[in-house]
Protein backbone atom coordinates (compact mmCIF):
# COMPACT_ATOMS: atom_id res chain seq x y z
CA MET A 1 -59.43 -133.75 0.12
CA ALA A 2 -58.76 -130.95 2.53
CA ASN A 3 -59.13 -131.67 6.23
CA THR A 4 -59.40 -135.42 5.65
CA TYR A 5 -57.84 -137.73 8.19
CA THR A 6 -57.35 -141.45 7.73
CA GLN A 7 -56.10 -144.04 10.17
CA ILE A 8 -55.55 -147.50 8.71
CA TYR A 9 -53.87 -150.25 10.74
CA ILE A 10 -52.94 -153.54 9.10
CA HIS A 11 -51.86 -156.65 10.99
CA THR A 12 -49.94 -159.02 8.73
CA VAL A 13 -48.61 -162.47 9.55
CA PHE A 14 -45.92 -164.15 7.43
CA ALA A 15 -45.18 -167.82 7.94
CA VAL A 16 -41.94 -169.49 6.95
CA ARG A 17 -42.53 -171.90 4.08
CA GLY A 18 -43.44 -175.28 5.52
CA ARG A 19 -43.76 -173.64 8.96
CA LEU A 20 -40.12 -174.51 9.63
CA ASN A 21 -38.47 -172.94 12.70
CA LEU A 22 -35.89 -170.92 10.76
CA ILE A 23 -36.08 -167.51 12.48
CA ARG A 24 -33.50 -167.93 15.22
CA ASN A 25 -33.31 -165.69 18.28
CA GLU A 26 -29.78 -164.59 17.40
CA ASN A 27 -30.99 -163.30 13.97
CA LYS A 28 -34.38 -161.97 14.96
CA ASP A 29 -33.39 -158.39 15.84
CA GLU A 30 -31.37 -157.91 12.65
CA LEU A 31 -34.25 -159.27 10.54
CA TYR A 32 -36.79 -157.03 12.29
CA LYS A 33 -34.59 -153.97 11.76
CA TYR A 34 -34.26 -154.82 8.08
CA ILE A 35 -38.04 -155.19 7.69
CA THR A 36 -38.50 -151.90 9.57
CA GLY A 37 -36.30 -150.25 6.93
CA ILE A 38 -38.39 -151.71 4.10
CA ILE A 39 -41.58 -150.33 5.66
CA ARG A 40 -40.03 -146.90 6.29
CA ASN A 41 -38.56 -146.74 2.77
CA ASN A 42 -42.11 -147.26 1.50
CA LYS A 43 -43.11 -144.25 3.65
CA GLN A 44 -45.33 -146.31 5.96
CA LYS A 45 -45.26 -146.48 9.76
CA LEU A 46 -44.23 -149.58 11.67
CA ILE A 47 -46.24 -149.87 14.88
CA ALA A 48 -44.94 -153.25 16.11
CA ILE A 49 -43.04 -156.30 14.89
CA ASN A 50 -42.47 -159.61 16.67
CA GLY A 51 -42.84 -163.29 16.07
CA MET A 52 -41.89 -166.88 16.65
CA PRO A 53 -39.31 -169.12 14.94
CA ASP A 54 -41.84 -170.08 12.23
CA HIS A 55 -43.71 -166.79 11.64
CA ILE A 56 -43.74 -163.04 12.28
CA HIS A 57 -46.43 -160.47 13.05
CA ILE A 58 -46.24 -156.90 11.76
CA LEU A 59 -48.61 -154.06 12.68
CA ILE A 60 -48.40 -151.26 10.13
CA GLY A 61 -49.93 -147.79 9.94
CA LEU A 62 -50.82 -147.72 6.25
CA LYS A 63 -51.36 -144.55 4.23
CA PRO A 64 -54.36 -144.75 1.87
CA THR A 65 -52.09 -144.11 -1.12
CA MET A 66 -50.14 -147.33 -0.51
CA CYS A 67 -51.31 -150.61 -2.03
CA LEU A 68 -51.14 -153.27 0.69
CA SER A 69 -50.26 -156.09 -1.71
CA ASP A 70 -47.30 -154.07 -3.05
CA LEU A 71 -46.00 -153.45 0.46
CA VAL A 72 -46.38 -157.11 1.47
CA ARG A 73 -44.64 -158.19 -1.75
CA ASP A 74 -41.73 -155.84 -1.03
CA ILE A 75 -41.38 -157.00 2.57
CA LYS A 76 -41.49 -160.70 1.73
CA ALA A 77 -39.23 -160.51 -1.35
CA ASN A 78 -36.59 -158.24 0.14
CA SER A 79 -36.45 -159.94 3.54
CA SER A 80 -36.13 -163.37 1.87
CA LYS A 81 -33.25 -162.08 -0.22
CA PHE A 82 -31.65 -160.56 2.90
CA ILE A 83 -31.89 -163.82 4.85
CA ASN A 84 -30.48 -165.85 1.93
CA GLU A 85 -27.57 -163.43 1.47
CA LYS A 86 -26.77 -163.69 5.19
CA LYS A 87 -26.69 -167.51 4.90
CA TRP A 88 -28.18 -167.95 8.36
CA PHE A 89 -28.81 -171.63 7.58
CA ASP A 90 -28.17 -174.23 4.88
CA GLY A 91 -30.70 -174.15 2.08
CA ARG A 92 -32.97 -171.50 0.63
CA PHE A 93 -35.26 -169.38 2.81
CA GLU A 94 -38.79 -168.59 1.60
CA TRP A 95 -41.92 -167.17 3.14
CA GLN A 96 -45.12 -169.13 2.60
CA LYS A 97 -46.79 -168.17 -0.66
CA GLY A 98 -50.26 -166.76 -1.15
CA PHE A 99 -53.08 -165.99 1.21
CA ARG A 100 -55.31 -168.33 3.16
CA LYS A 101 -58.93 -167.48 3.82
CA GLU A 102 -60.00 -168.36 7.33
CA GLN A 103 -63.25 -170.26 7.63
CA THR A 104 -65.93 -168.86 9.90
CA LYS A 105 -68.86 -170.61 11.48
CA TYR A 106 -71.17 -168.52 9.26
CA GLU A 107 -69.93 -169.94 5.94
């Protein structure tokens, strides 16, 4: 559509499988830069990224032509592979699988 403007912001949170404290301070910047590249390569806009040793938060400016689940899949799969190739710790790194619906007081 001509003259159509969209502004979609998505806040995603990825937890390390088992909520283990595997994201070390000395690796955090390199991991965040790698994830930034994944988002940019998908032609989306990273607004902010930060986190704790057991999870990360990402705020993304999402274009309406991008499927969110595809972007999340790419970020999680590629960053897991990156961490495992770097061998930042013994064992295999994985993000927590699936989505969890939060309960509200209205349900």
